[in-house]
Amino acid sequence: MRKLKFMSGFIPAALLFAGAAFLLPTASIAQSSWPNRPIKLIVPFPPGGSNDIISRLMAERLSTRLGQPVIVDNKGGAGGTMGTDAAAKSAPDGYTLLFVSTSITTNVAAGKKLPYDLVKDLEPIGQVAAGPFAVVVSNALKISSLREFIDLARAKPKTINYGSAGIGGLNHLGTELLAAAAKVQLVHVPYKGMGPAFTDLMGGTLQMALPSLASMTPFLGTGKMTALAMTGTKRSPIAPDLPTVAEAGLPGFELEVWWGILGPARLPAPIVKRLNEELNAVLALPDVAAILAREGGAPRPGSAEEFRNVIRSEIGRWSQLIKDRNIQMD
């Protein structure tokens, strides 16, 4: 019988190929079939309000496009910190995402001790939408324009009280941004939410507030408070008669609350790309734009890198404002 001989160091090509396939990283195999199970979308706020409504709209439409359920998980607490931390510490496999708003940047700018690094521990996927705020005043002031409000605030520094939903929130910092642009000094009165602030505004014990345009539209035309302007770059379809702040006396001023989707750091680039493409496709749907409009927002499609730049820019903007205005954050 003839004996088979094998050359030292020689392995047949078929065996080499099989071995290479066997050694492929598990993550690469999983990535190629993503998604093959439900995806969790963490919303770091309790149910209710624009964050919840918009996140559920995105989850529903992304579910259809991805072929897997996208399940909203409300994980509120510590001003959004608990849910954000849970997302930052999740596996970067595309099955845990995070729905965020502008407050994720104000938390950083405010110098809060956070268990995560917003820039290093989270991966931007795409911006969803953005919407303006409204400058509203008590009827007791007996003014009807932003110009009159600015003139009054300049004539009587630190006599006009404005309400916010809490220290370091966008109602607070946004009003200070407006005050800086108008070169006026106002007095901050923090509340636990805008509901109590609205009550005092209508009662005349509070003089001014900067709520989101969507949250104050039920009061438009009721005579309970006076809306002077809105902070977007152009007028809103839900309040077409309300001028922009730029039109009303502060050229160049713009302020919006925005929403977007992030994932944990090291999320594979192909998954980020697919999610961004599907998100932009959802934002192009006319009925989605109509629903966002009811919440005072408009679609903001774009790349993941553009959203990264928005986040970095916002952190810088609010950090500079806090420094320049010497705003006390506790």
C-alpha atoms as a PDB file:
ATOM      1  CA  MET A   1       0.000   0.000   0.000  1.00  0.00           C
ATOM      2  CA  ARG A   2       1.325   3.448  -0.949  1.00  0.00           C
ATOM      3  CA  LYS A   3       1.679   5.851   2.008  1.00  0.00           C
ATOM      4  CA  LEU A   4       0.375   9.430   1.738  1.00  0.00           C
ATOM      5  CA  LYS A   5       2.953  12.124   2.405  1.00  0.00           C
ATOM      6  CA  PHE A   6       2.218  15.679   3.591  1.00  0.00           C
ATOM      7  CA  MET A   7       4.713  18.468   3.165  1.00  0.00           C
ATOM      8  CA  SER A   8       5.591  20.210   6.397  1.00  0.00           C
ATOM      9  CA  GLY A   9       3.737  23.528   6.749  1.00  0.00           C
ATOM     10  CA  PHE A  10       1.404  22.803   3.810  1.00  0.00           C
ATOM     11  CA  ILE A  11      -2.385  23.074   4.351  1.00  0.00           C
ATOM     12  CA  PRO A  12      -4.816  22.520   1.469  1.00  0.00           C
ATOM     13  CA  ALA A  13      -6.573  25.738   0.317  1.00  0.00           C
ATOM     14  CA  ALA A  14     -10.030  24.344   1.093  1.00  0.00           C
ATOM     15  CA  LEU A  15      -9.022  23.683   4.683  1.00  0.00           C
ATOM     16  CA  LEU A  16      -7.444  27.125   4.967  1.00  0.00           C
ATOM     17  CA  PHE A  17     -10.645  28.793   3.746  1.00  0.00           C
ATOM     18  CA  ALA A  18     -12.782  26.767   6.125  1.00  0.00           C
ATOM     19  CA  GLY A  19     -10.538  27.690   9.025  1.00  0.00           C
ATOM     20  CA  ALA A  20     -10.671  31.388   8.164  1.00  0.00           C
ATOM     21  CA  ALA A  21     -14.460  31.295   8.026  1.00  0.00           C
ATOM     22  CA  PHE A  22     -14.551  29.584  11.391  1.00  0.00           C
ATOM     23  CA  LEU A  23     -12.414  32.343  12.899  1.00  0.00           C
ATOM     24  CA  LEU A  24     -14.567  35.256  11.635  1.00  0.00           C
ATOM     25  CA  PRO A  25     -15.582  37.459  14.597  1.00  0.00           C
ATOM     26  CA  THR A  26     -19.046  36.729  15.907  1.00  0.00           C
ATOM     27  CA  ALA A  27     -19.848  40.458  15.782  1.00  0.00           C
ATOM     28  CA  SER A  28     -19.244  40.530  11.995  1.00  0.00           C
ATOM     29  CA  ILE A  29     -21.622  37.643  11.428  1.00  0.00           C
ATOM     30  CA  ALA A  30     -24.271  39.216  13.661  1.00  0.00           C
ATOM     31  CA  GLN A  31     -23.782  42.583  11.977  1.00  0.00           C
ATOM     32  CA  SER A  32     -24.435  41.150   8.510  1.00  0.00           C
ATOM     33  CA  SER A  33     -27.846  39.880   9.623  1.00  0.00           C
ATOM     34  CA  TRP A  34     -28.822  42.928  11.686  1.00  0.00           C
ATOM     35  CA  PRO A  35     -31.536  43.329  12.791  1.00  0.00           C
ATOM     36  CA  ASN A  36     -32.823  39.866  13.572  1.00  0.00           C
ATOM     37  CA  ARG A  37     -34.587  40.605  16.879  1.00  0.00           C
ATOM     38  CA  PRO A  38     -36.454  43.494  18.568  1.00  0.00           C
ATOM     39  CA  ILE A  39     -34.678  46.821  19.139  1.00  0.00           C
ATOM     40  CA  LYS A  40     -35.088  48.839  22.328  1.00  0.00           C
ATOM     41  CA  LEU A  41     -35.358  52.635  22.103  1.00  0.00           C
ATOM     42  CA  ILE A  42     -34.671  54.150  25.514  1.00  0.00           C
ATOM     43  CA  VAL A  43     -36.460  57.439  26.216  1.00  0.00           C
ATOM     44  CA  PRO A  44     -34.854  58.954  29.338  1.00  0.00           C
ATOM     45  CA  PHE A  45     -38.074  60.694  30.404  1.00  0.00           C
ATOM     46  CA  PRO A  46     -41.434  59.534  31.789  1.00  0.00           C
ATOM     47  CA  PRO A  47     -44.343  58.902  29.400  1.00  0.00           C
ATOM     48  CA  GLY A  48     -46.189  61.956  28.128  1.00  0.00           C
ATOM     49  CA  GLY A  49     -45.052  65.120  26.403  1.00  0.00           C
ATOM     50  CA  SER A  50     -43.295  65.710  23.102  1.00  0.00           C
ATOM     51  CA  ASN A  51     -40.309  63.444  23.863  1.00  0.00           C
ATOM     52  CA  ASP A  52     -42.625  60.475  24.326  1.00  0.00           C
ATOM     53  CA  ILE A  53     -44.915  61.266  21.390  1.00  0.00           C
ATOM     54  CA  ILE A  54     -42.116  61.810  18.872  1.00  0.00           C
ATOM     55  CA  SER A  55     -40.092  58.810  20.053  1.00  0.00           C
ATOM     56  CA  ARG A  56     -43.116  56.522  19.652  1.00  0.00           C
ATOM     57  CA  LEU A  57     -43.755  57.881  16.167  1.00  0.00           C
ATOM     58  CA  MET A  58     -40.144  57.141  15.195  1.00  0.00           C
ATOM     59  CA  ALA A  59     -40.275  53.689  16.796  1.00  0.00           C
ATOM     60  CA  GLU A  60     -43.427  52.768  14.886  1.00  0.00           C
ATOM     61  CA  ARG A  61     -42.094  53.875  11.504  1.00  0.00           C
ATOM     62  CA  LEU A  62     -38.615  52.420  11.994  1.00  0.00           C
ATOM     63  CA  SER A  63     -40.196  49.090  12.966  1.00  0.00           C
ATOM     64  CA  THR A  64     -41.865  48.944   9.562  1.00  0.00           C
ATOM     65  CA  ARG A  65     -38.694  49.774   7.667  1.00  0.00           C
ATOM     66  CA  LEU A  66     -36.352  47.527   9.666  1.00  0.00           C
ATOM     67  CA  GLY A  67     -38.675  44.541   9.798  1.00  0.00           C
ATOM     68  CA  GLN A  68     -38.278  44.193  13.558  1.00  0.00           C
ATOM     69  CA  PRO A  69     -40.203  45.756  16.480  1.00  0.00           C
ATOM     70  CA  VAL A  70     -38.665  48.939  17.871  1.00  0.00           C
ATOM     71  CA  ILE A  71     -39.908  49.096  21.465  1.00  0.00           C
ATOM     72  CA  VAL A  72     -39.948  52.341  23.453  1.00  0.00           C
ATOM     73  CA  ASP A  73     -38.553  51.958  26.968  1.00  0.00           C
ATOM     74  CA  ASN A  74     -39.286  54.991  29.174  1.00  0.00           C
ATOM     75  CA  LYS A  75     -36.476  55.152  31.701  1.00  0.00           C
ATOM     76  CA  GLY A  76     -36.886  58.516  33.437  1.00  0.00           C
ATOM     77  CA  GLY A  77     -34.965  59.890  36.388  1.00  0.00           C
ATOM     78  CA  ALA A  78     -32.280  62.444  37.281  1.00  0.00           C
ATOM     79  CA  GLY A  79     -33.180  64.786  34.441  1.00  0.00           C
ATOM     80  CA  GLY A  80     -32.625  62.135  31.787  1.00  0.00           C
ATOM     81  CA  THR A  81     -29.320  60.900  33.226  1.00  0.00           C
ATOM     82  CA  MET A  82     -30.472  57.403  34.238  1.00  0.00           C
ATOM     83  CA  GLY A  83     -31.798  56.402  30.836  1.00  0.00           C
ATOM     84  CA  THR A  84     -28.870  57.956  29.014  1.00  0.00           C
ATOM     85  CA  ASP A  85     -26.406  56.089  31.211  1.00  0.00           C
ATOM     86  CA  ALA A  86     -28.210  52.794  30.563  1.00  0.00           C
ATOM     87  CA  ALA A  87     -27.911  53.337  26.814  1.00  0.00           C
ATOM     88  CA  ALA A  88     -24.249  54.378  27.048  1.00  0.00           C
ATOM     89  CA  LYS A  89     -23.419  51.180  28.944  1.00  0.00           C
ATOM     90  CA  SER A  90     -25.355  48.856  26.627  1.00  0.00           C
ATOM     91  CA  ALA A  91     -23.755  46.504  24.115  1.00  0.00           C
ATOM     92  CA  PRO A  92     -22.869  48.261  20.815  1.00  0.00           C
ATOM     93  CA  ASP A  93     -24.818  45.796  18.710  1.00  0.00           C
ATOM     94  CA  GLY A  94     -27.643  47.969  17.381  1.00  0.00           C
ATOM     95  CA  TYR A  95     -30.299  46.538  19.686  1.00  0.00           C
ATOM     96  CA  THR A  96     -30.310  49.398  22.210  1.00  0.00           C
ATOM     97  CA  LEU A  97     -30.767  52.974  21.020  1.00  0.00           C
ATOM     98  CA  LEU A  98     -31.398  56.276  22.804  1.00  0.00           C
ATOM     99  CA  PHE A  99     -33.902  59.027  21.988  1.00  0.00           C
ATOM    100  CA  VAL A 100     -32.567  62.400  23.144  1.00  0.00           C
ATOM    101  CA  SER A 101     -33.441  66.086  23.196  1.00  0.00           C
ATOM    102  CA  THR A 102     -31.425  69.295  23.608  1.00  0.00           C
ATOM    103  CA  SER A 103     -31.287  68.759  27.375  1.00  0.00           C
ATOM    104  CA  ILE A 104     -28.579  66.127  26.883  1.00  0.00           C
ATOM    105  CA  THR A 105     -26.227  68.998  25.983  1.00  0.00           C
ATOM    106  CA  THR A 106     -27.413  71.419  28.678  1.00  0.00           C
ATOM    107  CA  ASN A 107     -26.717  68.735  31.304  1.00  0.00           C
ATOM    108  CA  VAL A 108     -23.097  68.679  30.159  1.00  0.00           C
ATOM    109  CA  ALA A 109     -22.819  72.475  29.933  1.00  0.00           C
ATOM    110  CA  ALA A 110     -24.291  72.844  33.423  1.00  0.00           C
ATOM    111  CA  GLY A 111     -21.341  70.910  34.826  1.00  0.00           C
ATOM    112  CA  LYS A 112     -23.483  68.118  36.237  1.00  0.00           C
ATOM    113  CA  LYS A 113     -21.629  65.030  37.479  1.00  0.00           C
ATOM    114  CA  LEU A 114     -22.622  62.508  34.843  1.00  0.00           C
ATOM    115  CA  PRO A 115     -21.836  58.765  34.854  1.00  0.00           C
ATOM    116  CA  TYR A 116     -21.112  58.928  31.114  1.00  0.00           C
ATOM    117  CA  ASP A 117     -19.184  61.096  28.658  1.00  0.00           C
ATOM    118  CA  LEU A 118     -21.620  62.380  26.056  1.00  0.00           C
ATOM    119  CA  VAL A 119     -18.997  62.714  23.318  1.00  0.00           C
ATOM    120  CA  LYS A 120     -16.991  59.537  24.027  1.00  0.00           C
ATOM    121  CA  ASP A 121     -19.665  57.080  25.234  1.00  0.00           C
ATOM    122  CA  LEU A 122     -22.466  57.700  22.740  1.00  0.00           C
ATOM    123  CA  GLU A 123     -22.618  57.498  18.949  1.00  0.00           C
ATOM    124  CA  PRO A 124     -24.809  59.972  16.992  1.00  0.00           C
ATOM    125  CA  ILE A 125     -27.166  58.338  14.481  1.00  0.00           C
ATOM    126  CA  GLY A 126     -29.305  61.224  13.302  1.00  0.00           C
ATOM    127  CA  GLN A 127     -31.304  64.271  14.220  1.00  0.00           C
ATOM    128  CA  VAL A 128     -35.065  63.779  14.110  1.00  0.00           C
ATOM    129  CA  ALA A 129     -36.771  67.153  14.412  1.00  0.00           C
ATOM    130  CA  ALA A 130     -36.566  70.622  15.909  1.00  0.00           C
ATOM    131  CA  GLY A 131     -39.117  73.146  17.109  1.00  0.00           C
ATOM    132  CA  PRO A 132     -39.220  76.702  18.446  1.00  0.00           C
ATOM    133  CA  PHE A 133     -40.097  78.273  21.766  1.00  0.00           C
ATOM    134  CA  ALA A 134     -42.554  81.104  22.370  1.00  0.00           C
ATOM    135  CA  VAL A 135     -41.950  84.333  24.258  1.00  0.00           C
ATOM    136  CA  VAL A 136     -45.057  84.783  26.402  1.00  0.00           C
ATOM    137  CA  VAL A 137     -45.921  87.387  29.025  1.00  0.00           C
ATOM    138  CA  SER A 138     -48.604  88.007  31.595  1.00  0.00           C
ATOM    139  CA  ASN A 139     -51.515  90.168  30.510  1.00  0.00           C
ATOM    140  CA  ALA A 140     -50.765  92.262  33.613  1.00  0.00           C
ATOM    141  CA  LEU A 141     -47.758  93.765  31.799  1.00  0.00           C
ATOM    142  CA  LYS A 142     -50.130  95.306  29.246  1.00  0.00           C
ATOM    143  CA  ILE A 143     -47.696  94.974  26.348  1.00  0.00           C
ATOM    144  CA  SER A 144     -48.242  93.454  22.923  1.00  0.00           C
ATOM    145  CA  SER A 145     -44.828  93.280  21.239  1.00  0.00           C
ATOM    146  CA  LEU A 146     -41.331  91.999  21.905  1.00  0.00           C
ATOM    147  CA  ARG A 147     -39.979  95.514  21.375  1.00  0.00           C
ATOM    148  CA  GLU A 148     -42.179  96.812  24.209  1.00  0.00           C
ATOM    149  CA  PHE A 149     -41.024  93.968  26.451  1.00  0.00           C
ATOM    150  CA  ILE A 150     -37.355  94.740  25.806  1.00  0.00           C
ATOM    151  CA  ASP A 151     -37.881  98.454  26.424  1.00  0.00           C
ATOM    152  CA  LEU A 152     -39.653  97.702  29.702  1.00  0.00           C
ATOM    153  CA  ALA A 153     -36.957  95.263  30.855  1.00  0.00           C
ATOM    154  CA  ARG A 154     -34.221  97.779  30.055  1.00  0.00           C
ATOM    155  CA  ALA A 155     -36.026 100.559  31.886  1.00  0.00           C
ATOM    156  CA  LYS A 156     -36.589  98.392  34.972  1.00  0.00           C
ATOM    157  CA  PRO A 157     -33.690  95.906  35.349  1.00  0.00           C
ATOM    158  CA  LYS A 158     -34.275  92.823  37.503  1.00  0.00           C
ATOM    159  CA  THR A 159     -37.973  93.581  38.050  1.00  0.00           C
ATOM    160  CA  ILE A 160     -39.404  91.099  35.547  1.00  0.00           C
ATOM    161  CA  ASN A 161     -39.623  87.518  36.839  1.00  0.00           C
ATOM    162  CA  TYR A 162     -39.546  84.648  34.355  1.00  0.00           C
ATOM    163  CA  GLY A 163     -40.489  81.050  35.063  1.00  0.00           C
ATOM    164  CA  SER A 164     -38.846  77.830  33.906  1.00  0.00           C
ATOM    165  CA  ALA A 165     -39.300  74.084  34.352  1.00  0.00           C
ATOM    166  CA  GLY A 166     -36.150  73.959  36.494  1.00  0.00           C
ATOM    167  CA  ILE A 167     -32.578  75.156  36.844  1.00  0.00           C
ATOM    168  CA  GLY A 168     -30.369  74.311  33.880  1.00  0.00           C
ATOM    169  CA  GLY A 169     -33.238  73.339  31.610  1.00  0.00           C
ATOM    170  CA  LEU A 170     -33.799  74.841  28.202  1.00  0.00           C
ATOM    171  CA  ASN A 171     -36.587  77.161  29.415  1.00  0.00           C
ATOM    172  CA  HIS A 172     -34.039  78.591  31.867  1.00  0.00           C
ATOM    173  CA  LEU A 173     -30.980  78.794  29.625  1.00  0.00           C
ATOM    174  CA  GLY A 174     -33.012  79.792  26.582  1.00  0.00           C
ATOM    175  CA  THR A 175     -34.473  82.786  28.424  1.00  0.00           C
ATOM    176  CA  GLU A 176     -30.979  83.809  29.517  1.00  0.00           C
ATOM    177  CA  LEU A 177     -29.847  83.532  25.881  1.00  0.00           C
ATOM    178  CA  LEU A 178     -32.715  85.828  24.884  1.00  0.00           C
ATOM    179  CA  ALA A 179     -31.906  88.228  27.738  1.00  0.00           C
ATOM    180  CA  ALA A 180     -28.255  88.348  26.656  1.00  0.00           C
ATOM    181  CA  ALA A 181     -29.247  89.154  23.067  1.00  0.00           C
ATOM    182  CA  ALA A 182     -31.649  91.857  24.256  1.00  0.00           C
ATOM    183  CA  LYS A 183     -29.145  93.190  26.816  1.00  0.00           C
ATOM    184  CA  VAL A 184     -31.625  92.970  29.686  1.00  0.00           C
ATOM    185  CA  GLN A 185     -31.548  91.505  33.207  1.00  0.00           C
ATOM    186  CA  LEU A 186     -34.407  89.281  34.339  1.00  0.00           C
ATOM    187  CA  VAL A 187     -35.046  87.286  37.523  1.00  0.00           C
ATOM    188  CA  HIS A 188     -35.289  83.498  37.285  1.00  0.00           C
ATOM    189  CA  VAL A 189     -38.043  81.631  39.159  1.00  0.00           C
ATOM    190  CA  PRO A 190     -37.620  77.842  38.754  1.00  0.00           C
ATOM    191  CA  TYR A 191     -40.692  75.575  38.953  1.00  0.00           C
ATOM    192  CA  LYS A 192     -41.166  71.822  38.886  1.00  0.00           C
ATOM    193  CA  GLY A 193     -42.474  71.821  35.340  1.00  0.00           C
ATOM    194  CA  MET A 194     -44.094  74.463  33.160  1.00  0.00           C
ATOM    195  CA  GLY A 195     -47.630  73.732  34.393  1.00  0.00           C
ATOM    196  CA  PRO A 196     -47.238  75.678  37.664  1.00  0.00           C
ATOM    197  CA  ALA A 197     -45.406  78.440  35.783  1.00  0.00           C
ATOM    198  CA  PHE A 198     -48.353  78.813  33.393  1.00  0.00           C
ATOM    199  CA  THR A 199     -50.714  79.067  36.375  1.00  0.00           C
ATOM    200  CA  ASP A 200     -48.713  81.907  37.921  1.00  0.00           C
ATOM    201  CA  LEU A 201     -48.304  83.608  34.553  1.00  0.00           C
ATOM    202  CA  MET A 202     -52.067  83.664  34.045  1.00  0.00           C
ATOM    203  CA  GLY A 203     -52.522  84.782  37.649  1.00  0.00           C
ATOM    204  CA  GLY A 204     -50.172  87.725  37.191  1.00  0.00           C
ATOM    205  CA  THR A 205     -47.624  86.740  39.855  1.00  0.00           C
ATOM    206  CA  LEU A 206     -45.147  85.772  37.108  1.00  0.00           C
ATOM    207  CA  GLN A 207     -44.380  88.127  34.240  1.00  0.00           C
ATOM    208  CA  MET A 208     -42.714  86.083  31.503  1.00  0.00           C
ATOM    209  CA  ALA A 209     -41.883  82.548  30.318  1.00  0.00           C
ATOM    210  CA  LEU A 210     -40.301  80.734  27.386  1.00  0.00           C
ATOM    211  CA  PRO A 211     -42.244  77.489  26.858  1.00  0.00           C
ATOM    212  CA  SER A 212     -42.084  75.359  23.748  1.00  0.00           C
ATOM    213  CA  LEU A 213     -44.457  76.690  21.107  1.00  0.00           C
ATOM    214  CA  ALA A 214     -46.388  73.410  21.096  1.00  0.00           C
ATOM    215  CA  SER A 215     -47.011  73.492  24.855  1.00  0.00           C
ATOM    216  CA  MET A 216     -48.538  76.962  24.805  1.00  0.00           C
ATOM    217  CA  THR A 217     -50.667  76.697  21.643  1.00  0.00           C
ATOM    218  CA  PRO A 218     -53.747  75.663  23.703  1.00  0.00           C
ATOM    219  CA  PHE A 219     -53.588  79.129  25.260  1.00  0.00           C
ATOM    220  CA  LEU A 220     -53.334  81.028  21.972  1.00  0.00           C
ATOM    221  CA  GLY A 221     -56.368  83.202  21.416  1.00  0.00           C
ATOM    222  CA  THR A 222     -57.808  82.522  24.883  1.00  0.00           C
ATOM    223  CA  GLY A 223     -56.789  85.884  26.319  1.00  0.00           C
ATOM    224  CA  LYS A 224     -55.127  84.196  29.318  1.00  0.00           C
ATOM    225  CA  MET A 225     -51.588  85.232  28.319  1.00  0.00           C
ATOM    226  CA  THR A 226     -49.920  87.191  25.548  1.00  0.00           C
ATOM    227  CA  ALA A 227     -47.592  85.586  23.007  1.00  0.00           C
ATOM    228  CA  LEU A 228     -45.071  88.087  21.641  1.00  0.00           C
ATOM    229  CA  ALA A 229     -42.867  86.042  19.308  1.00  0.00           C
ATOM    230  CA  MET A 230     -41.469  82.606  18.564  1.00  0.00           C
ATOM    231  CA  THR A 231     -37.795  81.679  18.419  1.00  0.00           C
ATOM    232  CA  GLY A 232     -37.531  79.723  15.160  1.00  0.00           C
ATOM    233  CA  THR A 233     -35.909  80.913  11.949  1.00  0.00           C
ATOM    234  CA  LYS A 234     -39.305  81.150  10.234  1.00  0.00           C
ATOM    235  CA  ARG A 235     -42.927  81.330  11.330  1.00  0.00           C
ATOM    236  CA  SER A 236     -44.648  78.147  12.418  1.00  0.00           C
ATOM    237  CA  PRO A 237     -47.741  76.721  10.690  1.00  0.00           C
ATOM    238  CA  ILE A 238     -49.342  76.170  14.115  1.00  0.00           C
ATOM    239  CA  ALA A 239     -49.095  79.922  14.897  1.00  0.00           C
ATOM    240  CA  PRO A 240     -48.637  81.698  11.538  1.00  0.00           C
ATOM    241  CA  ASP A 241     -49.492  85.140  12.922  1.00  0.00           C
ATOM    242  CA  LEU A 242     -46.767  84.991  15.559  1.00  0.00           C
ATOM    243  CA  PRO A 243     -43.577  86.742  14.337  1.00  0.00           C
ATOM    244  CA  THR A 244     -40.124  85.319  14.851  1.00  0.00           C
ATOM    245  CA  VAL A 245     -37.912  86.970  17.466  1.00  0.00           C
ATOM    246  CA  ALA A 246     -35.691  88.117  14.586  1.00  0.00           C
ATOM    247  CA  GLU A 247     -38.662  89.810  12.908  1.00  0.00           C
ATOM    248  CA  ALA A 248     -39.843  91.289  16.189  1.00  0.00           C
ATOM    249  CA  GLY A 249     -36.666  93.133  17.148  1.00  0.00           C
ATOM    250  CA  LEU A 250     -33.630  90.859  17.628  1.00  0.00           C
ATOM    251  CA  PRO A 251     -32.173  90.109  14.175  1.00  0.00           C
ATOM    252  CA  GLY A 252     -30.267  86.843  13.980  1.00  0.00           C
ATOM    253  CA  PHE A 253     -31.715  85.334  17.155  1.00  0.00           C
ATOM    254  CA  GLU A 254     -32.722  81.679  16.886  1.00  0.00           C
ATOM    255  CA  LEU A 255     -33.434  78.980  19.458  1.00  0.00           C
ATOM    256  CA  GLU A 256     -34.978  75.553  18.988  1.00  0.00           C
ATOM    257  CA  VAL A 257     -35.439  72.421  21.007  1.00  0.00           C
ATOM    258  CA  TRP A 258     -34.309  69.412  18.982  1.00  0.00           C
ATOM    259  CA  TRP A 259     -34.658  65.650  19.166  1.00  0.00           C
ATOM    260  CA  GLY A 260     -32.412  62.888  17.859  1.00  0.00           C
ATOM    261  CA  ILE A 261     -31.274  59.281  18.152  1.00  0.00           C
ATOM    262  CA  LEU A 262     -27.969  57.996  19.541  1.00  0.00           C
ATOM    263  CA  GLY A 263     -26.452  54.587  20.168  1.00  0.00           C
ATOM    264  CA  PRO A 264     -23.660  53.381  22.412  1.00  0.00           C
ATOM    265  CA  ALA A 265     -20.074  54.137  21.349  1.00  0.00           C
ATOM    266  CA  ARG A 266     -18.384  51.634  19.010  1.00  0.00           C
ATOM    267  CA  LEU A 267     -21.649  50.918  17.235  1.00  0.00           C
ATOM    268  CA  PRO A 268     -20.524  49.363  13.909  1.00  0.00           C
ATOM    269  CA  ALA A 269     -20.436  51.865  11.043  1.00  0.00           C
ATOM    270  CA  PRO A 270     -22.719  49.773   8.750  1.00  0.00           C
ATOM    271  CA  ILE A 271     -25.427  49.743  11.436  1.00  0.00           C
ATOM    272  CA  VAL A 272     -25.097  53.513  11.984  1.00  0.00           C
ATOM    273  CA  LYS A 273     -25.369  54.024   8.212  1.00  0.00           C
ATOM    274  CA  ARG A 274     -28.444  51.798   7.876  1.00  0.00           C
ATOM    275  CA  LEU A 275     -30.209  53.447  10.817  1.00  0.00           C
ATOM    276  CA  ASN A 276     -29.437  56.930   9.517  1.00  0.00           C
ATOM    277  CA  GLU A 277     -30.756  56.056   6.048  1.00  0.00           C
ATOM    278  CA  GLU A 278     -33.959  54.539   7.433  1.00  0.00           C
ATOM    279  CA  LEU A 279     -34.478  57.486   9.795  1.00  0.00           C
ATOM    280  CA  ASN A 280     -34.118  59.985   6.936  1.00  0.00           C
ATOM    281  CA  ALA A 281     -36.575  57.953   4.868  1.00  0.00           C
ATOM    282  CA  VAL A 282     -39.105  58.109   7.720  1.00  0.00           C
ATOM    283  CA  LEU A 283     -38.626  61.878   8.054  1.00  0.00           C
ATOM    284  CA  ALA A 284     -39.406  62.312   4.348  1.00  0.00           C
ATOM    285  CA  LEU A 285     -42.935  60.901   4.786  1.00  0.00           C
ATOM    286  CA  PRO A 286     -45.616  63.646   4.530  1.00  0.00           C
ATOM    287  CA  ASP A 287     -47.742  62.241   7.359  1.00  0.00           C
ATOM    288  CA  VAL A 288     -44.715  62.146   9.670  1.00  0.00           C
ATOM    289  CA  ALA A 289     -44.053  65.824   8.942  1.00  0.00           C
ATOM    290  CA  ALA A 290     -47.711  66.574   9.716  1.00  0.00           C
ATOM    291  CA  ILE A 291     -47.564  64.791  13.082  1.00  0.00           C
ATOM    292  CA  LEU A 292     -44.309  66.548  13.987  1.00  0.00           C
ATOM    293  CA  ALA A 293     -45.928  69.880  13.097  1.00  0.00           C
ATOM    294  CA  ARG A 294     -48.668  69.219  15.651  1.00  0.00           C
ATOM    295  CA  GLU A 295     -45.898  68.909  18.241  1.00  0.00           C
ATOM    296  CA  GLY A 296     -44.429  72.205  17.089  1.00  0.00           C
ATOM    297  CA  GLY A 297     -41.547  70.548  15.251  1.00  0.00           C
ATOM    298  CA  ALA A 298     -40.243  70.044  11.720  1.00  0.00           C
ATOM    299  CA  PRO A 299     -38.156  67.174  10.295  1.00  0.00           C
ATOM    300  CA  ARG A 300     -34.372  67.596  10.444  1.00  0.00           C
ATOM    301  CA  PRO A 301     -32.912  64.890   8.172  1.00  0.00           C
ATOM    302  CA  GLY A 302     -29.139  64.740   7.837  1.00  0.00           C
ATOM    303  CA  SER A 303     -26.053  62.630   8.338  1.00  0.00           C
ATOM    304  CA  ALA A 304     -24.768  61.159  11.576  1.00  0.00           C
ATOM    305  CA  GLU A 305     -21.742  63.445  11.337  1.00  0.00           C
ATOM    306  CA  GLU A 306     -23.959  66.527  10.997  1.00  0.00           C
ATOM    307  CA  PHE A 307     -25.781  65.492  14.155  1.00  0.00           C
ATOM    308  CA  ARG A 308     -22.438  65.021  15.923  1.00  0.00           C
ATOM    309  CA  ASN A 309     -21.553  68.608  14.988  1.00  0.00           C
ATOM    310  CA  VAL A 310     -24.893  69.867  16.340  1.00  0.00           C
ATOM    311  CA  ILE A 311     -24.239  68.199  19.697  1.00  0.00           C
ATOM    312  CA  ARG A 312     -20.722  69.607  19.982  1.00  0.00           C
ATOM    313  CA  SER A 313     -21.891  73.077  18.942  1.00  0.00           C
ATOM    314  CA  GLU A 314     -24.714  73.060  21.495  1.00  0.00           C
ATOM    315  CA  ILE A 315     -22.405  72.038  24.343  1.00  0.00           C
ATOM    316  CA  GLY A 316     -20.159  74.960  23.446  1.00  0.00           C
ATOM    317  CA  ARG A 317     -23.056  77.379  23.117  1.00  0.00           C
ATOM    318  CA  TRP A 318     -24.559  76.641  26.523  1.00  0.00           C
ATOM    319  CA  SER A 319     -21.211  76.398  28.292  1.00  0.00           C
ATOM    320  CA  GLN A 320     -20.262  79.853  27.001  1.00  0.00           C
ATOM    321  CA  LEU A 321     -23.627  81.325  27.998  1.00  0.00           C
ATOM    322  CA  ILE A 322     -23.358  79.967  31.555  1.00  0.00           C
ATOM    323  CA  LYS A 323     -19.877  81.463  31.843  1.00  0.00           C
ATOM    324  CA  ASP A 324     -20.731  84.833  30.290  1.00  0.00           C
ATOM    325  CA  ARG A 325     -23.931  85.333  32.314  1.00  0.00           C
ATOM    326  CA  ASN A 326     -22.448  83.864  35.502  1.00  0.00           C
ATOM    327  CA  ILE A 327     -25.486  81.597  35.782  1.00  0.00           C
ATOM    328  CA  GLN A 328     -25.714  79.672  39.040  1.00  0.00           C
ATOM    329  CA  MET A 329     -26.640  76.067  38.343  1.00  0.00           C
ATOM    330  CA  ASP A 330     -27.644  74.959  41.852  1.00  0.00           C
END
